[in-house]
Amino acid sequence: MSSLQHYIQEYFGVLKQEDLRKVCEMFKEENLLKGDFFLRQGQTANQMSFIKSGLIRIFTDEDGKEITQWISSPGYFVTEISSFMFGGSSRWNMQALTDVELFTISKTDYQNIIKMVPQWHELEKLFIIKCFAILENRIYNHLSKSAEERYHDFFAQNPALFNQVPLQYIASMLGMTPETFSRIRNKQLS
């Protein structure tokens, strides 16, 4: 099974082999160079991608202050789901932190999957539920855990990112100042 097939099965559920092949054929391989934008704030998301390799930072700029929402890594999809599904402007910038290899589907091709795979609406519902569950978990962590607990949880799940990404991006994503992040990190290292 290719990595794209694995990603689709993981996010959308099990498809018949023939349906999986049809869906995979609609994705195109793309590359972003470090610093390239996948999507800019204010644009409409007209594509969705699964990351094969590399890292994409999702962030916004509010009053001259950058706020990192997430860092997408291999195995995750990247788009602004509300803009992709309903249209409208993206609230987020999505920029390659490294060179990135993607499997990308256009919004038009995504919408045409239902013509080829009749049970797609059920599978898409699983996808949306998975997205919602991830978001719900992040909100819960921000509301119920201390900065130190958020740091420990994120480090346990993503230790490699601490060597690949500027630490101020991780601090922002975890909802803490760089100073708080540094204090917690130094405490861990000592």
Protein backbone atom coordinates (compact mmCIF):
# COMPACT_ATOMS: atom_id res chain seq x y z
CA MET A 1 0.00 0.00 0.00
CA SER A 2 1.39 3.40 -0.96
CA SER A 3 1.67 6.20 1.58
CA LEU A 4 -1.20 8.06 -0.15
CA GLN A 5 -3.44 4.99 0.09
CA HIS A 6 -2.54 4.67 3.75
CA TYR A 7 -3.37 8.36 4.44
CA ILE A 8 -6.72 8.10 2.67
CA GLN A 9 -7.63 4.91 4.56
CA GLU A 10 -6.53 6.49 7.85
CA TYR A 11 -8.58 9.67 7.42
CA PHE A 12 -11.58 8.47 5.41
CA GLY A 13 -11.97 4.83 6.41
CA VAL A 14 -11.70 1.61 4.48
CA LEU A 15 -12.49 1.75 0.79
CA LYS A 16 -12.84 -1.10 -1.66
CA GLN A 17 -9.55 -1.58 -3.52
CA GLU A 18 -11.01 -0.35 -6.82
CA ASP A 19 -12.53 2.76 -5.17
CA LEU A 20 -9.25 3.46 -3.37
CA ARG A 21 -7.40 3.30 -6.70
CA LYS A 22 -9.88 5.75 -8.29
CA VAL A 23 -9.57 8.22 -5.42
CA CYS A 24 -5.76 8.02 -5.40
CA GLU A 25 -5.63 8.74 -9.13
CA MET A 26 -7.25 12.12 -8.45
CA PHE A 27 -4.31 13.24 -6.29
CA LYS A 28 -1.25 14.78 -7.93
CA GLU A 29 2.23 14.87 -6.49
CA GLU A 30 3.48 18.39 -5.81
CA ASN A 31 6.50 19.97 -4.18
CA LEU A 32 6.93 23.14 -2.18
CA LEU A 33 10.32 24.67 -1.50
CA LYS A 34 11.18 25.90 1.96
CA GLY A 35 9.47 29.28 2.39
CA ASP A 36 6.82 28.69 -0.30
CA PHE A 37 3.19 29.24 0.67
CA PHE A 38 0.61 26.48 0.28
CA LEU A 39 -2.13 29.00 1.13
CA ARG A 40 -2.14 32.66 2.13
CA GLN A 41 -4.51 34.40 4.51
CA GLY A 42 -7.38 35.90 2.49
CA GLN A 43 -7.22 33.34 -0.33
CA THR A 44 -9.81 30.61 -0.87
CA ALA A 45 -8.62 27.06 -0.20
CA ASN A 46 -9.06 25.28 -3.53
CA GLN A 47 -6.97 22.23 -2.73
CA MET A 48 -6.29 19.73 0.01
CA SER A 49 -3.05 17.82 0.43
CA PHE A 50 -1.55 15.03 2.43
CA ILE A 51 2.05 15.65 3.42
CA LYS A 52 4.40 12.93 2.21
CA SER A 53 7.52 14.62 3.60
CA GLY A 54 8.41 17.94 5.15
CA LEU A 55 6.72 20.44 7.47
CA ILE A 56 4.12 23.16 6.91
CA ARG A 57 3.42 25.86 9.48
CA ILE A 58 -0.14 27.12 9.81
CA PHE A 59 -0.24 30.63 11.26
CA THR A 60 -1.92 34.00 11.23
CA ASP A 61 -0.65 37.52 11.67
CA GLU A 62 -2.71 39.54 14.16
CA ASP A 63 -1.64 43.14 14.65
CA GLY A 64 1.95 42.32 13.64
CA LYS A 65 2.14 39.29 15.93
CA GLU A 66 2.38 35.84 14.35
CA ILE A 67 0.33 33.12 16.02
CA THR A 68 1.09 29.53 15.08
CA GLN A 69 -1.98 27.31 15.01
CA TRP A 70 -0.30 24.03 13.99
CA ILE A 71 2.72 22.48 12.34
CA SER A 72 1.66 19.82 9.86
CA SER A 73 4.03 16.93 9.33
CA PRO A 74 4.05 13.74 7.22
CA GLY A 75 0.82 11.81 7.47
CA TYR A 76 -1.32 14.86 8.17
CA PHE A 77 -3.50 16.66 5.67
CA VAL A 78 -3.27 20.39 5.09
CA THR A 79 -5.96 22.85 4.00
CA GLU A 80 -8.26 25.28 5.73
CA ILE A 81 -11.19 22.91 6.02
CA SER A 82 -13.91 25.59 6.35
CA SER A 83 -12.67 27.49 3.29
CA PHE A 84 -12.17 24.25 1.33
CA MET A 85 -15.65 22.90 2.14
CA PHE A 86 -17.73 26.10 2.18
CA GLY A 87 -15.68 28.67 0.24
CA GLY A 88 -14.72 32.03 1.63
CA SER A 89 -11.38 33.43 2.66
CA SER A 90 -8.75 31.57 4.63
CA ARG A 91 -7.91 32.91 8.06
CA TRP A 92 -4.54 31.14 7.98
CA ASN A 93 -1.24 31.26 6.15
CA MET A 94 0.30 27.86 5.37
CA GLN A 95 4.02 28.02 4.66
CA ALA A 96 6.64 25.33 4.08
CA LEU A 97 9.22 25.21 6.90
CA THR A 98 11.24 22.69 4.88
CA ASP A 99 11.06 21.36 1.35
CA VAL A 100 7.72 19.52 1.22
CA GLU A 101 6.34 16.68 -0.91
CA LEU A 102 2.55 16.61 -1.14
CA PHE A 103 -0.29 14.54 -2.57
CA THR A 104 -2.80 17.20 -3.66
CA ILE A 105 -6.41 17.10 -4.83
CA SER A 106 -8.29 20.09 -6.20
CA LYS A 107 -11.63 21.08 -4.72
CA THR A 108 -13.32 20.26 -8.04
CA ASP A 109 -11.83 16.75 -8.15
CA TYR A 110 -12.66 16.24 -4.47
CA GLN A 111 -16.30 17.15 -5.17
CA ASN A 112 -16.36 14.69 -8.08
CA ILE A 113 -15.37 11.72 -5.91
CA ILE A 114 -19.04 11.18 -4.98
CA LYS A 115 -19.79 10.35 -8.63
CA MET A 116 -17.20 7.55 -8.54
CA VAL A 117 -17.58 6.30 -4.95
CA PRO A 118 -21.26 6.22 -3.90
CA GLN A 119 -20.51 5.74 -0.17
CA TRP A 120 -18.17 8.77 -0.13
CA HIS A 121 -20.58 10.87 1.97
CA GLU A 122 -20.32 8.34 4.81
CA LEU A 123 -16.52 8.28 4.53
CA GLU A 124 -16.36 12.07 4.37
CA LYS A 125 -18.44 12.23 7.55
CA LEU A 126 -15.78 10.10 9.30
CA PHE A 127 -13.12 12.51 8.03
CA ILE A 128 -14.97 15.56 9.41
CA ILE A 129 -15.54 13.79 12.73
CA LYS A 130 -11.83 13.00 12.96
CA CYS A 131 -10.97 16.66 12.28
CA PHE A 132 -13.47 17.75 14.92
CA ALA A 133 -12.11 15.27 17.48
CA ILE A 134 -8.55 16.55 16.98
CA LEU A 135 -9.76 20.14 17.40
CA GLU A 136 -11.81 19.23 20.46
CA ASN A 137 -8.77 17.58 22.05
CA ARG A 138 -6.61 20.64 21.41
CA ILE A 139 -9.23 22.94 22.95
CA TYR A 140 -9.54 20.67 25.98
CA ASN A 141 -5.76 20.69 26.46
CA HIS A 142 -5.58 24.49 26.24
CA LEU A 143 -8.42 24.97 28.71
CA SER A 144 -7.65 22.28 31.27
CA LYS A 145 -3.86 21.81 31.31
CA SER A 146 -1.08 24.00 32.55
CA ALA A 147 1.61 25.29 30.20
CA GLU A 148 4.00 22.69 31.61
CA GLU A 149 1.53 19.85 30.99
CA ARG A 150 0.91 21.05 27.42
CA TYR A 151 4.67 21.17 26.85
CA HIS A 152 5.17 17.61 28.21
CA ASP A 153 2.27 16.18 26.20
CA PHE A 154 3.38 17.81 22.97
CA PHE A 155 7.01 16.79 23.48
CA ALA A 156 5.98 13.18 24.18
CA GLN A 157 4.01 13.05 20.93
CA ASN A 158 6.38 15.12 18.72
CA PRO A 159 9.96 15.00 20.06
CA ALA A 160 11.54 15.36 16.59
CA LEU A 161 9.83 18.71 15.98
CA PHE A 162 11.86 20.28 18.80
CA ASN A 163 14.98 19.86 16.64
CA GLN A 164 13.34 20.77 13.30
CA VAL A 165 11.24 23.86 14.03
CA PRO A 166 12.07 27.23 15.56
CA LEU A 167 10.99 26.89 19.17
CA GLN A 168 9.01 30.16 19.16
CA TYR A 169 6.58 28.49 16.71
CA ILE A 170 6.02 25.60 19.11
CA ALA A 171 5.61 28.02 22.02
CA SER A 172 2.97 29.97 20.09
CA MET A 173 1.17 26.79 19.07
CA LEU A 174 1.04 25.70 22.72
CA GLY A 175 -0.35 29.09 23.78
CA MET A 176 2.63 30.34 25.76
CA THR A 177 5.21 33.07 25.52
CA PRO A 178 8.73 32.18 24.36
CA GLU A 179 9.95 33.04 27.88
CA THR A 180 7.56 30.56 29.54
CA PHE A 181 8.44 27.93 26.95
CA SER A 182 12.17 28.50 27.54
CA ARG A 183 11.75 28.27 31.31
CA ILE A 184 9.87 24.96 31.03
CA ARG A 185 12.36 23.62 28.49
CA ASN A 186 15.36 24.56 30.66
CA LYS A 187 13.73 22.88 33.65
CA GLN A 188 13.34 19.70 31.57
CA LEU A 189 16.94 19.77 30.35
CA SER A 190 18.43 20.23 33.84
